[in-house]
Amino acid sequence: MRDTLDYNSTPMGYLSGFCELILLNLFFLVSCLPVVTIGAAVCGMYHVNLKTVRGESGSVWKLYWEGFRSNFRQATFFWILFLGLCLLLALDWWVMPVMLPAFYQIPRVMLIMVFAAACCMVIYVFPIVTRFVCTTRQAAGNALRMMAGHFPWTVLLLLLHGVIPILCGLSELFFLYAACAFLICGFSTINLIASHIFNRILKRYERI
């Protein structure tokens, strides 16, 4: 029983990690309420989880706030830019059948490709902004180079962030289960998995 209650034991370590994921998920959800702060909130999560992956411990709130505050300007810029592009693509998606009623399918495929590329870039840019001190232009350029240079990981990251939203649209029951999971620790868990991947990628560039 003493071994079970020891915080250095495996069961208590897992329980502590799970509680930290719940706290991190709560901080993220609250920070996302203004919508425009979602980019900074993602950076806050990456700041916590990238340190967790590297075995660096600390207060979840302190680390989250540090990442949120220090990367707020760049993260918000990229997030608003991404939102603007999504709105433009959505408008084009609905206008295409009216403007090109005979062959609007081909332009729609192109829109999907542009949207996928934008998603890949924004997936990369937040951990880059979190991990490195760089200008906005450098962060965008590095994100483009990394997403092309690590294409297999890029596909995996895109699937990691995209499969669940797609499945939620196919089944109401799955949507309810997923909504409950994401309210508890879904966002922080996916971010932790992505942090393991980005830790492998970003280490290569830290040595340069």
N, C-alpha and C. Protein backbone atom coordinates (compact mmCIF):
# COMPACT_ATOMS: atom_id res chain seq x y z
N MET A 1 0.84 -1.21 0.00
CA MET A 1 0.00 0.00 0.00
C MET A 1 0.87 1.26 0.00
N ARG A 2 1.97 1.21 0.76
CA ARG A 2 2.87 2.36 0.79
C ARG A 2 3.47 2.62 -0.58
N ASP A 3 3.81 1.51 -1.29
CA ASP A 3 4.38 1.67 -2.62
C ASP A 3 3.38 2.30 -3.58
N THR A 4 2.10 1.99 -3.40
CA THR A 4 1.06 2.54 -4.28
C THR A 4 0.89 4.03 -4.04
N LEU A 5 1.00 4.45 -2.77
CA LEU A 5 0.80 5.87 -2.43
C LEU A 5 2.06 6.70 -2.62
N ASP A 6 3.18 6.04 -2.89
CA ASP A 6 4.42 6.77 -3.13
C ASP A 6 4.32 7.51 -4.47
N TYR A 7 4.56 8.81 -4.47
CA TYR A 7 4.42 9.61 -5.69
C TYR A 7 5.46 9.25 -6.75
N ASN A 8 6.52 8.52 -6.34
CA ASN A 8 7.51 8.07 -7.31
C ASN A 8 7.14 6.74 -7.93
N SER A 9 6.07 6.10 -7.43
CA SER A 9 5.65 4.82 -7.97
C SER A 9 4.92 5.03 -9.29
N THR A 10 4.85 3.97 -10.08
CA THR A 10 4.24 4.07 -11.41
C THR A 10 2.76 4.43 -11.36
N PRO A 11 1.92 3.79 -10.52
CA PRO A 11 0.50 4.16 -10.49
C PRO A 11 0.27 5.63 -10.12
N MET A 12 0.97 6.10 -9.09
CA MET A 12 0.81 7.50 -8.68
C MET A 12 1.37 8.46 -9.72
N GLY A 13 2.41 8.02 -10.43
CA GLY A 13 2.97 8.85 -11.49
C GLY A 13 1.99 9.03 -12.62
N TYR A 14 1.32 7.94 -13.02
CA TYR A 14 0.30 8.03 -14.07
C TYR A 14 -0.88 8.89 -13.62
N LEU A 15 -1.29 8.71 -12.36
CA LEU A 15 -2.42 9.49 -11.84
C LEU A 15 -2.07 10.98 -11.80
N SER A 16 -0.85 11.29 -11.38
CA SER A 16 -0.41 12.67 -11.34
C SER A 16 -0.36 13.27 -12.74
N GLY A 17 0.13 12.48 -13.70
CA GLY A 17 0.19 12.95 -15.08
C GLY A 17 -1.20 13.19 -15.65
N PHE A 18 -2.14 12.31 -15.32
CA PHE A 18 -3.51 12.46 -15.80
C PHE A 18 -4.15 13.71 -15.22
N CYS A 19 -3.93 13.96 -13.94
CA CYS A 19 -4.47 15.16 -13.30
C CYS A 19 -3.89 16.43 -13.93
N GLU A 20 -2.62 16.38 -14.28
CA GLU A 20 -2.00 17.54 -14.92
C GLU A 20 -2.58 17.77 -16.31
N LEU A 21 -2.90 16.70 -17.02
CA LEU A 21 -3.54 16.84 -18.34
C LEU A 21 -4.92 17.48 -18.20
N ILE A 22 -5.65 17.10 -17.15
CA ILE A 22 -6.99 17.68 -16.92
C ILE A 22 -6.85 19.17 -16.62
N LEU A 23 -5.90 19.53 -15.75
CA LEU A 23 -5.67 20.94 -15.43
C LEU A 23 -5.27 21.73 -16.68
N LEU A 24 -4.35 21.17 -17.45
CA LEU A 24 -3.88 21.84 -18.67
C LEU A 24 -5.03 22.03 -19.65
N ASN A 25 -5.87 21.02 -19.77
CA ASN A 25 -7.03 21.10 -20.67
C ASN A 25 -7.99 22.20 -20.20
N LEU A 26 -8.17 22.33 -18.89
CA LEU A 26 -9.04 23.37 -18.33
C LEU A 26 -8.48 24.75 -18.62
N PHE A 27 -7.19 24.94 -18.39
CA PHE A 27 -6.56 26.23 -18.68
C PHE A 27 -6.71 26.59 -20.16
N PHE A 28 -6.54 25.59 -21.02
CA PHE A 28 -6.66 25.82 -22.46
C PHE A 28 -8.07 26.24 -22.84
N LEU A 29 -9.08 25.53 -22.34
CA LEU A 29 -10.47 25.84 -22.68
C LEU A 29 -10.86 27.24 -22.22
N VAL A 30 -10.47 27.62 -21.02
CA VAL A 30 -10.77 28.95 -20.50
C VAL A 30 -10.07 30.02 -21.34
N SER A 31 -8.82 29.76 -21.72
CA SER A 31 -8.07 30.72 -22.51
C SER A 31 -8.61 30.89 -23.92
N CYS A 32 -9.34 29.89 -24.40
CA CYS A 32 -9.87 29.93 -25.77
C CYS A 32 -11.19 30.70 -25.88
N LEU A 33 -11.78 31.08 -24.77
CA LEU A 33 -13.10 31.71 -24.80
C LEU A 33 -13.15 32.97 -25.67
N PRO A 34 -12.12 33.83 -25.67
CA PRO A 34 -12.18 35.00 -26.57
C PRO A 34 -11.98 34.65 -28.05
N VAL A 35 -11.70 33.39 -28.37
CA VAL A 35 -11.48 32.87 -29.73
C VAL A 35 -10.16 33.38 -30.34
N VAL A 36 -9.93 34.68 -30.32
CA VAL A 36 -8.71 35.22 -30.92
C VAL A 36 -7.46 34.78 -30.15
N THR A 37 -7.63 34.29 -28.94
CA THR A 37 -6.49 33.87 -28.12
C THR A 37 -6.18 32.39 -28.26
N ILE A 38 -6.86 31.70 -29.18
CA ILE A 38 -6.64 30.25 -29.32
C ILE A 38 -5.20 29.93 -29.69
N GLY A 39 -4.60 30.73 -30.57
CA GLY A 39 -3.21 30.50 -30.95
C GLY A 39 -2.28 30.56 -29.76
N ALA A 40 -2.43 31.57 -28.93
CA ALA A 40 -1.59 31.70 -27.74
C ALA A 40 -1.86 30.56 -26.76
N ALA A 41 -3.12 30.12 -26.69
CA ALA A 41 -3.46 29.00 -25.80
C ALA A 41 -2.79 27.71 -26.26
N VAL A 42 -2.72 27.50 -27.56
CA VAL A 42 -2.03 26.32 -28.10
C VAL A 42 -0.54 26.38 -27.74
N CYS A 43 0.05 27.57 -27.86
CA CYS A 43 1.46 27.74 -27.49
C CYS A 43 1.67 27.46 -26.00
N GLY A 44 0.70 27.86 -25.19
CA GLY A 44 0.78 27.57 -23.75
C GLY A 44 0.82 26.08 -23.49
N MET A 45 -0.02 25.33 -24.19
CA MET A 45 -0.03 23.87 -24.04
C MET A 45 1.28 23.26 -24.49
N TYR A 46 1.78 23.72 -25.63
CA TYR A 46 3.05 23.18 -26.13
C TYR A 46 4.20 23.49 -25.17
N HIS A 47 4.15 24.66 -24.55
CA HIS A 47 5.21 25.03 -23.61
C HIS A 47 5.25 24.05 -22.43
N VAL A 48 4.08 23.62 -21.99
CA VAL A 48 4.00 22.66 -20.88
C VAL A 48 4.40 21.26 -21.35
N ASN A 49 3.79 20.81 -22.45
CA ASN A 49 3.98 19.42 -22.88
C ASN A 49 5.37 19.15 -23.45
N LEU A 50 5.96 20.13 -24.14
CA LEU A 50 7.32 19.91 -24.64
C LEU A 50 8.31 19.78 -23.49
N LYS A 51 8.08 20.51 -22.41
CA LYS A 51 8.93 20.37 -21.23
C LYS A 51 8.66 19.03 -20.54
N THR A 52 7.40 18.60 -20.52
CA THR A 52 7.06 17.31 -19.92
C THR A 52 7.73 16.17 -20.67
N VAL A 53 7.70 16.23 -21.99
CA VAL A 53 8.32 15.20 -22.82
C VAL A 53 9.82 15.13 -22.57
N ARG A 54 10.44 16.27 -22.28
CA ARG A 54 11.88 16.32 -22.05
C ARG A 54 12.24 16.06 -20.58
N GLY A 55 11.24 15.74 -19.77
CA GLY A 55 11.51 15.43 -18.37
C GLY A 55 11.73 16.63 -17.50
N GLU A 56 11.30 17.81 -17.95
CA GLU A 56 11.44 19.04 -17.17
C GLU A 56 10.13 19.30 -16.44
N SER A 57 10.16 19.26 -15.12
CA SER A 57 8.95 19.42 -14.33
C SER A 57 8.76 20.88 -13.91
N GLY A 58 7.55 21.17 -13.46
CA GLY A 58 7.24 22.52 -12.99
C GLY A 58 5.75 22.68 -12.81
N SER A 59 5.34 23.80 -12.27
CA SER A 59 3.93 24.08 -12.08
C SER A 59 3.23 24.19 -13.43
N VAL A 60 2.13 23.46 -13.60
CA VAL A 60 1.40 23.47 -14.87
C VAL A 60 0.92 24.88 -15.19
N TRP A 61 0.34 25.55 -14.20
CA TRP A 61 -0.18 26.90 -14.44
C TRP A 61 0.95 27.88 -14.76
N LYS A 62 2.04 27.80 -14.02
CA LYS A 62 3.15 28.73 -14.24
C LYS A 62 3.75 28.55 -15.64
N LEU A 63 3.96 27.29 -16.04
CA LEU A 63 4.52 27.02 -17.36
C LEU A 63 3.53 27.42 -18.46
N TYR A 64 2.25 27.13 -18.23
CA TYR A 64 1.25 27.46 -19.25
C TYR A 64 1.17 28.98 -19.45
N TRP A 65 1.11 29.72 -18.37
CA TRP A 65 1.01 31.17 -18.46
C TRP A 65 2.26 31.76 -19.09
N GLU A 66 3.40 31.17 -18.80
CA GLU A 66 4.67 31.64 -19.38
C GLU A 66 4.66 31.48 -20.90
N GLY A 67 4.20 30.31 -21.37
CA GLY A 67 4.11 30.08 -22.81
C GLY A 67 3.04 30.92 -23.47
N PHE A 68 1.92 31.09 -22.80
CA PHE A 68 0.81 31.90 -23.33
C PHE A 68 1.24 33.35 -23.49
N ARG A 69 1.85 33.90 -22.46
CA ARG A 69 2.20 35.32 -22.45
C ARG A 69 3.35 35.64 -23.40
N SER A 70 4.41 34.83 -23.37
CA SER A 70 5.61 35.15 -24.15
C SER A 70 5.41 34.99 -25.66
N ASN A 71 4.45 34.15 -26.05
CA ASN A 71 4.22 33.91 -27.48
C ASN A 71 2.92 34.51 -27.99
N PHE A 72 2.30 35.35 -27.17
CA PHE A 72 0.96 35.85 -27.49
C PHE A 72 0.91 36.58 -28.84
N ARG A 73 1.84 37.49 -29.07
CA ARG A 73 1.77 38.33 -30.27
C ARG A 73 1.91 37.51 -31.55
N GLN A 74 2.96 36.70 -31.63
CA GLN A 74 3.17 35.91 -32.84
C GLN A 74 2.08 34.86 -33.03
N ALA A 75 1.70 34.19 -31.95
CA ALA A 75 0.68 33.14 -32.05
C ALA A 75 -0.66 33.72 -32.49
N THR A 76 -1.02 34.88 -31.96
CA THR A 76 -2.29 35.51 -32.33
C THR A 76 -2.27 35.95 -33.78
N PHE A 77 -1.14 36.46 -34.25
CA PHE A 77 -1.01 36.85 -35.65
C PHE A 77 -1.26 35.65 -36.57
N PHE A 78 -0.60 34.53 -36.30
CA PHE A 78 -0.76 33.34 -37.14
C PHE A 78 -2.18 32.78 -37.04
N TRP A 79 -2.77 32.83 -35.85
CA TRP A 79 -4.11 32.30 -35.68
C TRP A 79 -5.14 33.13 -36.45
N ILE A 80 -5.05 34.45 -36.35
CA ILE A 80 -5.99 35.32 -37.08
C ILE A 80 -5.81 35.16 -38.58
N LEU A 81 -4.56 35.03 -39.02
CA LEU A 81 -4.28 34.80 -40.44
C LEU A 81 -4.92 33.49 -40.91
N PHE A 82 -4.80 32.45 -40.09
CA PHE A 82 -5.39 31.16 -40.42
C PHE A 82 -6.91 31.25 -40.46
N LEU A 83 -7.50 31.93 -39.48
CA LEU A 83 -8.96 32.10 -39.47
C LEU A 83 -9.44 32.85 -40.71
N GLY A 84 -8.72 33.92 -41.08
CA GLY A 84 -9.09 34.68 -42.26
C GLY A 84 -9.04 33.84 -43.52
N LEU A 85 -8.00 33.00 -43.64
CA LEU A 85 -7.89 32.11 -44.79
C LEU A 85 -9.02 31.10 -44.81
N CYS A 86 -9.38 30.56 -43.65
CA CYS A 86 -10.48 29.58 -43.57
C CYS A 86 -11.80 30.21 -43.99
N LEU A 87 -12.05 31.44 -43.57
CA LEU A 87 -13.28 32.14 -43.97
C LEU A 87 -13.32 32.37 -45.47
N LEU A 88 -12.16 32.75 -46.03
CA LEU A 88 -12.08 32.97 -47.47
C LEU A 88 -12.31 31.68 -48.25
N LEU A 89 -11.71 30.59 -47.78
CA LEU A 89 -11.90 29.30 -48.44
C LEU A 89 -13.34 28.81 -48.32
N ALA A 90 -13.97 29.04 -47.17
CA ALA A 90 -15.37 28.65 -46.98
C ALA A 90 -16.28 29.43 -47.92
N LEU A 91 -16.01 30.72 -48.07
CA LEU A 91 -16.80 31.54 -48.99
C LEU A 91 -16.65 31.04 -50.42
N ASP A 92 -15.41 30.75 -50.82
CA ASP A 92 -15.18 30.22 -52.18
C ASP A 92 -15.88 28.88 -52.37
N TRP A 93 -15.88 28.05 -51.32
CA TRP A 93 -16.51 26.72 -51.40
C TRP A 93 -17.99 26.83 -51.74
N TRP A 94 -18.68 27.78 -51.11
CA TRP A 94 -20.12 27.90 -51.33
C TRP A 94 -20.46 28.70 -52.59
N VAL A 95 -19.53 29.53 -53.03
CA VAL A 95 -19.77 30.33 -54.23
C VAL A 95 -19.47 29.56 -55.51
N MET A 96 -18.57 28.58 -55.43
CA MET A 96 -18.14 27.83 -56.62
C MET A 96 -19.31 27.27 -57.44
N PRO A 97 -20.30 26.58 -56.83
CA PRO A 97 -21.40 26.02 -57.64
C PRO A 97 -22.19 27.08 -58.38
N VAL A 98 -22.23 28.29 -57.86
CA VAL A 98 -22.99 29.37 -58.52
C VAL A 98 -22.18 29.95 -59.68
N MET A 99 -20.88 30.14 -59.44
CA MET A 99 -20.03 30.74 -60.47
C MET A 99 -19.64 29.75 -61.55
N LEU A 100 -19.41 28.50 -61.14
CA LEU A 100 -18.99 27.46 -62.10
C LEU A 100 -19.88 26.23 -61.95
N PRO A 101 -21.14 26.31 -62.35
CA PRO A 101 -22.07 25.20 -62.13
C PRO A 101 -21.72 23.92 -62.87
N ALA A 102 -20.96 24.05 -63.96
CA ALA A 102 -20.66 22.87 -64.76
C ALA A 102 -19.48 22.06 -64.23
N PHE A 103 -18.45 22.73 -63.72
CA PHE A 103 -17.25 21.99 -63.29
C PHE A 103 -16.64 22.62 -62.04
N TYR A 104 -17.46 22.75 -61.01
CA TYR A 104 -16.96 23.33 -59.76
C TYR A 104 -16.23 22.32 -58.89
N GLN A 105 -16.31 21.00 -59.25
CA GLN A 105 -15.67 19.99 -58.42
C GLN A 105 -14.15 20.14 -58.40
N ILE A 106 -13.56 20.45 -59.56
CA ILE A 106 -12.10 20.57 -59.63
C ILE A 106 -11.59 21.74 -58.78
N PRO A 107 -12.19 22.93 -58.88
CA PRO A 107 -11.75 24.01 -57.98
C PRO A 107 -11.94 23.68 -56.50
N ARG A 108 -12.97 22.90 -56.18
CA ARG A 108 -13.17 22.52 -54.78
C ARG A 108 -12.07 21.59 -54.28
N VAL A 109 -11.59 20.72 -55.15
CA VAL A 109 -10.46 19.86 -54.78
C VAL A 109 -9.22 20.71 -54.48
N MET A 110 -9.02 21.76 -55.28
CA MET A 110 -7.91 22.67 -55.05
C MET A 110 -8.06 23.40 -53.71
N LEU A 111 -9.30 23.78 -53.38
CA LEU A 111 -9.55 24.44 -52.10
C LEU A 111 -9.22 23.52 -50.94
N ILE A 112 -9.57 22.23 -51.08
CA ILE A 112 -9.26 21.25 -50.03
C ILE A 112 -7.76 21.12 -49.85
N MET A 113 -7.02 21.12 -50.96
CA MET A 113 -5.56 21.01 -50.89
C MET A 113 -4.95 22.23 -50.21
N VAL A 114 -5.47 23.42 -50.53
CA VAL A 114 -4.97 24.65 -49.90
C VAL A 114 -5.27 24.63 -48.40
N PHE A 115 -6.48 24.17 -48.04
CA PHE A 115 -6.86 24.10 -46.63
C PHE A 115 -5.98 23.11 -45.87
N ALA A 116 -5.69 21.96 -46.48
CA ALA A 116 -4.84 20.96 -45.84
C ALA A 116 -3.43 21.50 -45.63
N ALA A 117 -2.91 22.22 -46.64
CA ALA A 117 -1.57 22.81 -46.51
C ALA A 117 -1.55 23.86 -45.41
N ALA A 118 -2.61 24.67 -45.32
CA ALA A 118 -2.68 25.70 -44.27
C ALA A 118 -2.75 25.06 -42.89
N CYS A 119 -3.49 23.96 -42.79
CA CYS A 119 -3.59 23.25 -41.50
C CYS A 119 -2.23 22.69 -41.09
N CYS A 120 -1.50 22.12 -42.07
CA CYS A 120 -0.18 21.58 -41.77
C CYS A 120 0.76 22.68 -41.28
N MET A 121 0.69 23.82 -41.95
CA MET A 121 1.58 24.92 -41.57
C MET A 121 1.27 25.42 -40.16
N VAL A 122 -0.02 25.57 -39.85
CA VAL A 122 -0.38 26.09 -38.54
C VAL A 122 -0.08 25.06 -37.45
N ILE A 123 -0.13 23.77 -37.79
CA ILE A 123 0.24 22.73 -36.84
C ILE A 123 1.71 22.84 -36.46
N TYR A 124 2.55 23.17 -37.44
CA TYR A 124 3.98 23.30 -37.19
C TYR A 124 4.36 24.63 -36.55
N VAL A 125 3.68 25.70 -36.94
CA VAL A 125 4.16 27.02 -36.56
C VAL A 125 4.05 27.28 -35.05
N PHE A 126 3.04 26.73 -34.39
CA PHE A 126 2.89 26.98 -32.95
C PHE A 126 4.00 26.36 -32.11
N PRO A 127 4.38 25.09 -32.32
CA PRO A 127 5.52 24.57 -31.55
C PRO A 127 6.84 25.26 -31.90
N ILE A 128 6.98 25.71 -33.16
CA ILE A 128 8.20 26.44 -33.54
C ILE A 128 8.28 27.76 -32.79
N VAL A 129 7.17 28.50 -32.75
CA VAL A 129 7.13 29.77 -32.02
C VAL A 129 7.39 29.53 -30.53
N THR A 130 6.87 28.42 -30.01
CA THR A 130 7.04 28.11 -28.59
C THR A 130 8.50 27.75 -28.26
N ARG A 131 9.12 26.98 -29.14
CA ARG A 131 10.45 26.43 -28.82
C ARG A 131 11.61 27.35 -29.18
N PHE A 132 11.44 28.16 -30.25
CA PHE A 132 12.55 28.97 -30.73
C PHE A 132 12.22 30.46 -30.66
N VAL A 133 13.25 31.26 -30.47
CA VAL A 133 13.11 32.71 -30.56
C VAL A 133 13.41 33.10 -32.01
N CYS A 134 12.39 33.53 -32.74
CA CYS A 134 12.55 33.87 -34.15
C CYS A 134 11.51 34.90 -34.56
N THR A 135 11.76 35.55 -35.68
CA THR A 135 10.81 36.52 -36.19
C THR A 135 9.61 35.79 -36.78
N THR A 136 8.55 36.53 -37.06
CA THR A 136 7.35 35.94 -37.65
C THR A 136 7.66 35.33 -39.01
N ARG A 137 8.46 36.04 -39.80
CA ARG A 137 8.83 35.53 -41.13
C ARG A 137 9.66 34.25 -41.00
N GLN A 138 10.59 34.23 -40.07
CA GLN A 138 11.41 33.03 -39.87
C GLN A 138 10.56 31.85 -39.41
N ALA A 139 9.60 32.11 -38.53
CA ALA A 139 8.72 31.04 -38.04
C ALA A 139 7.91 30.45 -39.19
N ALA A 140 7.38 31.31 -40.07
CA ALA A 140 6.60 30.84 -41.22
C ALA A 140 7.48 30.04 -42.18
N GLY A 141 8.69 30.56 -42.45
CA GLY A 141 9.60 29.85 -43.34
C GLY A 141 10.04 28.51 -42.78
N ASN A 142 10.34 28.47 -41.50
CA ASN A 142 10.73 27.22 -40.86
C ASN A 142 9.60 26.20 -40.86
N ALA A 143 8.38 26.68 -40.66
CA ALA A 143 7.22 25.78 -40.67
C ALA A 143 7.06 25.14 -42.05
N LEU A 144 7.22 25.94 -43.11
CA LEU A 144 7.10 25.41 -44.48
C LEU A 144 8.19 24.38 -44.77
N ARG A 145 9.42 24.70 -44.36
CA ARG A 145 10.52 23.76 -44.61
C ARG A 145 10.36 22.47 -43.82
N MET A 146 9.93 22.57 -42.58
CA MET A 146 9.77 21.37 -41.75
C MET A 146 8.63 20.49 -42.24
N MET A 147 7.51 21.11 -42.62
CA MET A 147 6.37 20.30 -43.07
C MET A 147 6.68 19.57 -44.38
N ALA A 148 7.58 20.15 -45.19
CA ALA A 148 7.99 19.48 -46.43
C ALA A 148 9.11 18.49 -46.17
N GLY A 149 10.04 18.85 -45.28
CA GLY A 149 11.18 17.99 -45.00
C GLY A 149 10.87 16.78 -44.15
N HIS A 150 9.77 16.84 -43.41
CA HIS A 150 9.34 15.72 -42.55
C HIS A 150 7.93 15.29 -42.96
N PHE A 151 7.77 15.02 -44.23
CA PHE A 151 6.43 14.76 -44.78
C PHE A 151 5.69 13.60 -44.11
N PRO A 152 6.33 12.46 -43.84
CA PRO A 152 5.61 11.38 -43.15
C PRO A 152 5.05 11.82 -41.79
N TRP A 153 5.87 12.57 -41.02
CA TRP A 153 5.39 13.09 -39.74
C TRP A 153 4.27 14.11 -39.95
N THR A 154 4.37 14.88 -41.03
CA THR A 154 3.33 15.88 -41.33
C THR A 154 1.99 15.20 -41.57
N VAL A 155 2.01 14.11 -42.34
CA VAL A 155 0.77 13.36 -42.59
C VAL A 155 0.21 12.81 -41.29
N LEU A 156 1.09 12.26 -40.45
CA LEU A 156 0.64 11.70 -39.17
C LEU A 156 0.03 12.79 -38.28
N LEU A 157 0.67 13.96 -38.23
CA LEU A 157 0.17 15.07 -37.42
C LEU A 157 -1.17 15.57 -37.95
N LEU A 158 -1.31 15.61 -39.27
CA LEU A 158 -2.57 16.05 -39.87
C LEU A 158 -3.69 15.07 -39.52
N LEU A 159 -3.38 13.79 -39.57
CA LEU A 159 -4.38 12.77 -39.19
C LEU A 159 -4.71 12.87 -37.70
N LEU A 160 -3.69 13.08 -36.89
CA LEU A 160 -3.90 13.19 -35.44
C LEU A 160 -4.87 14.32 -35.10
N HIS A 161 -4.74 15.44 -35.79
CA HIS A 161 -5.60 16.60 -35.52
C HIS A 161 -6.90 16.59 -36.30
N GLY A 162 -6.99 15.76 -37.34
CA GLY A 162 -8.15 15.83 -38.21
C GLY A 162 -9.12 14.67 -38.18
N VAL A 163 -8.66 13.49 -37.76
CA VAL A 163 -9.52 12.31 -37.82
C VAL A 163 -10.72 12.43 -36.89
N ILE A 164 -10.49 12.86 -35.65
CA ILE A 164 -11.59 12.94 -34.68
C ILE A 164 -12.66 13.95 -35.10
N PRO A 165 -12.30 15.17 -35.55
CA PRO A 165 -13.36 16.08 -36.04
C PRO A 165 -14.16 15.50 -37.19
N ILE A 166 -13.50 14.75 -38.09
CA ILE A 166 -14.22 14.13 -39.22
C ILE A 166 -15.18 13.07 -38.71
N LEU A 167 -14.72 12.24 -37.77
CA LEU A 167 -15.58 11.19 -37.22
C LEU A 167 -16.76 11.77 -36.45
N CYS A 168 -16.54 12.92 -35.80
CA CYS A 168 -17.62 13.57 -35.06
C CYS A 168 -18.76 13.99 -35.99
N GLY A 169 -18.43 14.31 -37.22
CA GLY A 169 -19.45 14.71 -38.17
C GLY A 169 -20.21 13.54 -38.75
N LEU A 170 -19.70 12.33 -38.56
CA LEU A 170 -20.35 11.15 -39.12
C LEU A 170 -21.32 10.48 -38.15
N SER A 171 -21.12 10.67 -36.86
CA SER A 171 -21.94 9.97 -35.87
C SER A 171 -22.27 10.90 -34.70
N GLU A 172 -23.56 11.03 -34.39
CA GLU A 172 -23.96 11.87 -33.25
C GLU A 172 -23.49 11.27 -31.93
N LEU A 173 -23.53 9.94 -31.84
CA LEU A 173 -23.10 9.27 -30.60
C LEU A 173 -21.60 9.49 -30.38
N PHE A 174 -20.81 9.34 -31.44
CA PHE A 174 -19.38 9.56 -31.32
C PHE A 174 -19.09 11.02 -30.96
N PHE A 175 -19.90 11.92 -31.50
CA PHE A 175 -19.73 13.35 -31.20
C PHE A 175 -19.93 13.61 -29.72
N LEU A 176 -20.95 12.97 -29.11
CA LEU A 176 -21.22 13.17 -27.68
C LEU A 176 -20.08 12.63 -26.83
N TYR A 177 -19.59 11.42 -27.18
CA TYR A 177 -18.46 10.84 -26.44
C TYR A 177 -17.21 11.70 -26.58
N ALA A 178 -16.95 12.14 -27.81
CA ALA A 178 -15.76 12.96 -28.06
C ALA A 178 -15.85 14.30 -27.34
N ALA A 179 -17.04 14.89 -27.33
CA ALA A 179 -17.22 16.17 -26.65
C ALA A 179 -16.92 16.05 -25.16
N CYS A 180 -17.40 14.97 -24.55
CA CYS A 180 -17.11 14.74 -23.13
C CYS A 180 -15.62 14.55 -22.89
N ALA A 181 -14.97 13.77 -23.77
CA ALA A 181 -13.54 13.51 -23.62
C ALA A 181 -12.73 14.79 -23.78
N PHE A 182 -13.11 15.62 -24.74
CA PHE A 182 -12.35 16.85 -24.97
C PHE A 182 -12.57 17.87 -23.87
N LEU A 183 -13.72 17.82 -23.23
CA LEU A 183 -13.94 18.72 -22.10
C LEU A 183 -13.09 18.33 -20.90
N ILE A 184 -12.74 17.05 -20.81
CA ILE A 184 -11.94 16.58 -19.67
C ILE A 184 -10.45 16.73 -19.95
N CYS A 185 -9.96 16.05 -20.98
CA CYS A 185 -8.52 16.12 -21.25
C CYS A 185 -8.16 15.84 -22.71
N GLY A 186 -9.13 15.96 -23.61
CA GLY A 186 -8.89 15.61 -25.01
C GLY A 186 -7.87 16.48 -25.71
N PHE A 187 -8.00 17.80 -25.55
CA PHE A 187 -7.09 18.72 -26.23
C PHE A 187 -5.66 18.56 -25.72
N SER A 188 -5.51 18.49 -24.41
CA SER A 188 -4.17 18.37 -23.83
C SER A 188 -3.52 17.03 -24.17
N THR A 189 -4.34 15.97 -24.31
CA THR A 189 -3.79 14.66 -24.64
C THR A 189 -3.27 14.63 -26.07
N ILE A 190 -4.05 15.16 -27.01
CA ILE A 190 -3.60 15.23 -28.40
C ILE A 190 -2.35 16.10 -28.50
N ASN A 191 -2.32 17.19 -27.75
CA ASN A 191 -1.16 18.07 -27.76
C ASN A 191 0.07 17.36 -27.20
N LEU A 192 -0.13 16.52 -26.20
CA LEU A 192 0.98 15.76 -25.62
C LEU A 192 1.54 14.77 -26.63
N ILE A 193 0.65 14.09 -27.36
CA ILE A 193 1.10 13.15 -28.40
C ILE A 193 1.87 13.90 -29.48
N ALA A 194 1.33 15.05 -29.90
CA ALA A 194 2.02 15.86 -30.91
C ALA A 194 3.36 16.36 -30.38
N SER A 195 3.44 16.64 -29.09
CA SER A 195 4.69 17.11 -28.50
C SER A 195 5.77 16.05 -28.57
N HIS A 196 5.40 14.78 -28.41
CA HIS A 196 6.37 13.70 -28.56
C HIS A 196 6.94 13.69 -29.98
N ILE A 197 6.07 13.91 -30.96
CA ILE A 197 6.52 13.94 -32.36
C ILE A 197 7.41 15.15 -32.61
N PHE A 198 6.95 16.32 -32.15
CA PHE A 198 7.72 17.54 -32.38
C PHE A 198 9.05 17.53 -31.62
N ASN A 199 9.11 16.85 -30.51
CA ASN A 199 10.37 16.75 -29.78
C ASN A 199 11.42 16.07 -30.63
N ARG A 200 11.02 15.04 -31.37
CA ARG A 200 11.94 14.33 -32.27
C ARG A 200 12.36 15.23 -33.42
N ILE A 201 11.42 16.01 -33.95
CA ILE A 201 11.71 16.86 -35.11
C ILE A 201 12.57 18.06 -34.71
N LEU A 202 12.16 18.76 -33.67
CA LEU A 202 12.83 20.01 -33.31
C LEU A 202 14.23 19.80 -32.76
N LYS A 203 14.50 18.63 -32.19
CA LYS A 203 15.84 18.34 -31.67
C LYS A 203 16.89 18.45 -32.76
N ARG A 204 16.53 18.08 -33.98
CA ARG A 204 17.48 18.12 -35.08
C ARG A 204 17.93 19.54 -35.39
N TYR A 205 17.02 20.49 -35.20
CA TYR A 205 17.32 21.87 -35.54
C TYR A 205 17.98 22.62 -34.38
N GLU A 206 17.87 22.08 -33.20
CA GLU A 206 18.53 22.69 -32.05
C GLU A 206 20.03 22.48 -32.10
N ARG A 207 20.46 21.47 -32.81
CA ARG A 207 21.88 21.17 -32.90
C ARG A 207 22.58 21.97 -33.98
N ILE A 208 21.80 22.60 -34.86
CA ILE A 208 22.39 23.35 -35.98
C ILE A 208 22.90 24.70 -35.49
